[in-house]
Amino acid sequence: MTAPTSRTDKGTRGFDIDLHVTFTRPLPEAQARAALLALPGFTVDLYRPHPNPTGQRPTQTPEEAPGVPSARLTGPLTDPDAIRAGLAALLGGDARYVEVGLRGFLRSAQGQTEWMPWRRNVVLPRADVARVTFEESIRFVLE
């Protein structure tokens, strides 16, 4: 997936889509990435448990480690209808719930991004993807 151009603009502010997907069960990395192809053009960060959370010697090899339980996608708002269609595809497949919104950010001259807090949360049934609007600083939770 290609990184949006706003990721490299230093010293800027604006709004990007901030989308979190939690899968129904941890997925292998390839399967998680395939599921996220329903939303192309976003920067993808896969979240997975730390392989050694206690600092002790790992008991599992990387191949035995649990899969990817969730992911974060960020990028510019290009086509709201395409994003809604991608959300519907995710919720009809491997996603347990999705959080999505148009979130403000400030990017320093060094490139570090500060995300602004959400002003409001709206919880919707997973079948109501059509009611998702991309208003600044409002997060929609589809579960």
Protein backbone atom coordinates (compact mmCIF):
# COMPACT_ATOMS: atom_id res chain seq x y z
CA MET A 1 0.00 0.00 0.00
CA THR A 2 1.29 3.43 -0.82
CA ALA A 3 1.91 6.06 1.82
CA PRO A 4 -0.10 9.26 1.44
CA THR A 5 1.91 12.35 0.58
CA SER A 6 0.81 14.19 3.75
CA ARG A 7 2.93 11.74 5.80
CA THR A 8 6.14 13.42 4.62
CA ASP A 9 4.99 17.04 4.84
CA LYS A 10 6.77 18.47 7.86
CA GLY A 11 5.47 21.48 9.74
CA THR A 12 1.87 21.03 8.56
CA ARG A 13 -1.56 20.64 10.06
CA GLY A 14 -4.73 19.15 8.65
CA PHE A 15 -7.12 16.23 8.85
CA ASP A 16 -6.63 12.57 7.93
CA ILE A 17 -8.80 9.50 8.16
CA ASP A 18 -7.93 7.60 11.34
CA LEU A 19 -9.34 4.09 11.22
CA HIS A 20 -8.90 1.25 13.73
CA VAL A 21 -9.97 -2.31 12.90
CA THR A 22 -10.22 -5.06 15.50
CA PHE A 23 -10.45 -8.54 14.02
CA THR A 24 -12.76 -11.26 15.34
CA ARG A 25 -9.65 -13.34 16.08
CA PRO A 26 -5.92 -12.72 15.59
CA LEU A 27 -5.11 -13.23 11.92
CA PRO A 28 -1.86 -14.25 10.26
CA GLU A 29 -0.14 -11.15 8.84
CA ALA A 30 -0.86 -12.06 5.20
CA GLN A 31 -4.56 -12.60 5.94
CA ALA A 32 -4.79 -9.33 7.90
CA ARG A 33 -3.19 -7.39 5.04
CA ALA A 34 -5.51 -9.09 2.53
CA ALA A 35 -8.57 -8.10 4.60
CA LEU A 36 -7.35 -4.48 4.71
CA LEU A 37 -7.11 -4.33 0.91
CA ALA A 38 -10.80 -3.34 1.05
CA LEU A 39 -9.42 0.10 1.98
CA PRO A 40 -6.57 0.86 -0.47
CA GLY A 41 -4.33 3.92 -0.34
CA PHE A 42 -3.84 4.14 3.43
CA THR A 43 -0.78 3.77 5.61
CA VAL A 44 -1.22 0.50 7.54
CA ASP A 45 0.14 -0.23 11.02
CA LEU A 46 -0.48 -3.80 12.19
CA TYR A 47 -0.76 -4.19 15.96
CA ARG A 48 0.39 -7.43 17.53
CA PRO A 49 1.27 -8.57 21.03
CA HIS A 50 4.83 -7.97 22.14
CA PRO A 51 6.82 -11.19 21.60
CA ASN A 52 8.49 -10.87 24.99
CA PRO A 53 6.25 -8.75 27.29
CA THR A 54 7.85 -9.85 30.59
CA GLY A 55 11.45 -9.54 29.52
CA GLN A 56 12.04 -13.24 30.00
CA ARG A 57 13.22 -15.64 27.38
CA PRO A 58 10.55 -16.10 24.68
CA THR A 59 8.69 -19.41 24.82
CA GLN A 60 7.43 -19.17 21.24
CA THR A 61 9.17 -18.88 17.92
CA PRO A 62 7.96 -16.07 15.62
CA GLU A 63 6.04 -18.65 13.57
CA GLU A 64 4.15 -19.80 16.70
CA ALA A 65 3.41 -16.28 17.96
CA PRO A 66 -0.21 -15.16 17.92
CA GLY A 67 -1.40 -13.30 14.85
CA VAL A 68 -2.48 -9.71 14.29
CA PRO A 69 -5.46 -8.76 16.53
CA SER A 70 -5.96 -5.24 15.13
CA ALA A 71 -4.67 -2.59 12.76
CA ARG A 72 -4.65 1.16 12.24
CA LEU A 73 -5.01 2.85 8.87
CA THR A 74 -4.38 6.54 8.26
CA GLY A 75 -4.42 8.74 5.20
CA PRO A 76 -6.25 11.45 3.32
CA LEU A 77 -10.01 11.45 2.72
CA THR A 78 -10.37 10.85 -1.00
CA ASP A 79 -13.69 9.11 -1.71
CA PRO A 80 -16.14 8.79 1.23
CA ASP A 81 -18.34 6.28 -0.65
CA ALA A 82 -15.35 4.03 -1.40
CA ILE A 83 -14.35 4.15 2.28
CA ARG A 84 -17.91 3.25 3.33
CA ALA A 85 -17.87 0.32 0.89
CA GLY A 86 -14.54 -0.84 2.33
CA LEU A 87 -15.92 -0.57 5.87
CA ALA A 88 -18.95 -2.65 4.89
CA ALA A 89 -16.64 -5.28 3.36
CA LEU A 90 -14.50 -5.42 6.52
CA LEU A 91 -17.53 -5.66 8.81
CA GLY A 92 -18.99 -8.40 6.62
CA GLY A 93 -15.74 -10.35 6.92
CA ASP A 94 -13.03 -10.52 9.56
CA ALA A 95 -13.69 -7.31 11.55
CA ARG A 96 -15.27 -7.44 15.02
CA TYR A 97 -15.61 -3.65 15.13
CA VAL A 98 -14.24 -0.56 13.40
CA GLU A 99 -13.56 2.96 14.65
CA VAL A 100 -13.30 5.62 11.94
CA GLY A 101 -13.23 9.38 11.74
CA LEU A 102 -11.61 12.44 10.23
CA ARG A 103 -9.02 13.40 12.82
CA GLY A 104 -6.97 16.57 13.12
CA PHE A 105 -3.20 16.41 13.28
CA LEU A 106 -0.22 18.71 13.77
CA ARG A 107 3.08 17.62 12.26
CA SER A 108 6.24 19.25 13.61
CA ALA A 109 9.17 20.41 11.50
CA GLN A 110 10.95 17.21 12.62
CA GLY A 111 8.09 15.09 11.21
CA GLN A 112 6.55 13.97 14.52
CA THR A 113 2.74 13.79 14.35
CA GLU A 114 0.44 14.90 17.19
CA TRP A 115 -3.13 13.67 16.82
CA MET A 116 -5.89 15.90 18.20
CA PRO A 117 -8.46 14.37 20.57
CA TRP A 118 -11.89 13.34 19.32
CA ARG A 119 -14.66 15.84 20.15
CA ARG A 120 -17.46 13.28 20.02
CA ASN A 121 -18.05 9.54 19.60
CA VAL A 122 -21.01 8.09 17.72
CA VAL A 123 -21.77 4.38 18.17
CA LEU A 124 -23.65 2.70 15.32
CA PRO A 125 -24.72 -0.87 14.55
CA ARG A 126 -22.34 -2.53 12.10
CA ALA A 127 -25.02 -2.54 9.38
CA ASP A 128 -25.33 1.30 9.46
CA VAL A 129 -22.15 2.10 7.52
CA ALA A 130 -24.15 4.48 5.30
CA ARG A 131 -24.68 6.77 8.34
CA VAL A 132 -20.94 7.39 8.73
CA THR A 133 -20.17 10.99 7.89
CA PHE A 134 -16.65 12.31 7.72
CA GLU A 135 -17.02 15.34 9.96
CA GLU A 136 -13.89 16.73 11.55
CA SER A 137 -13.08 15.30 15.02
CA ILE A 138 -16.05 12.91 15.22
CA ARG A 139 -15.30 9.21 15.65
CA PHE A 140 -17.78 6.57 14.53
CA VAL A 141 -17.68 3.17 16.20
CA LEU A 142 -19.32 0.41 14.16
CA GLU A 143 -19.93 -2.72 16.23
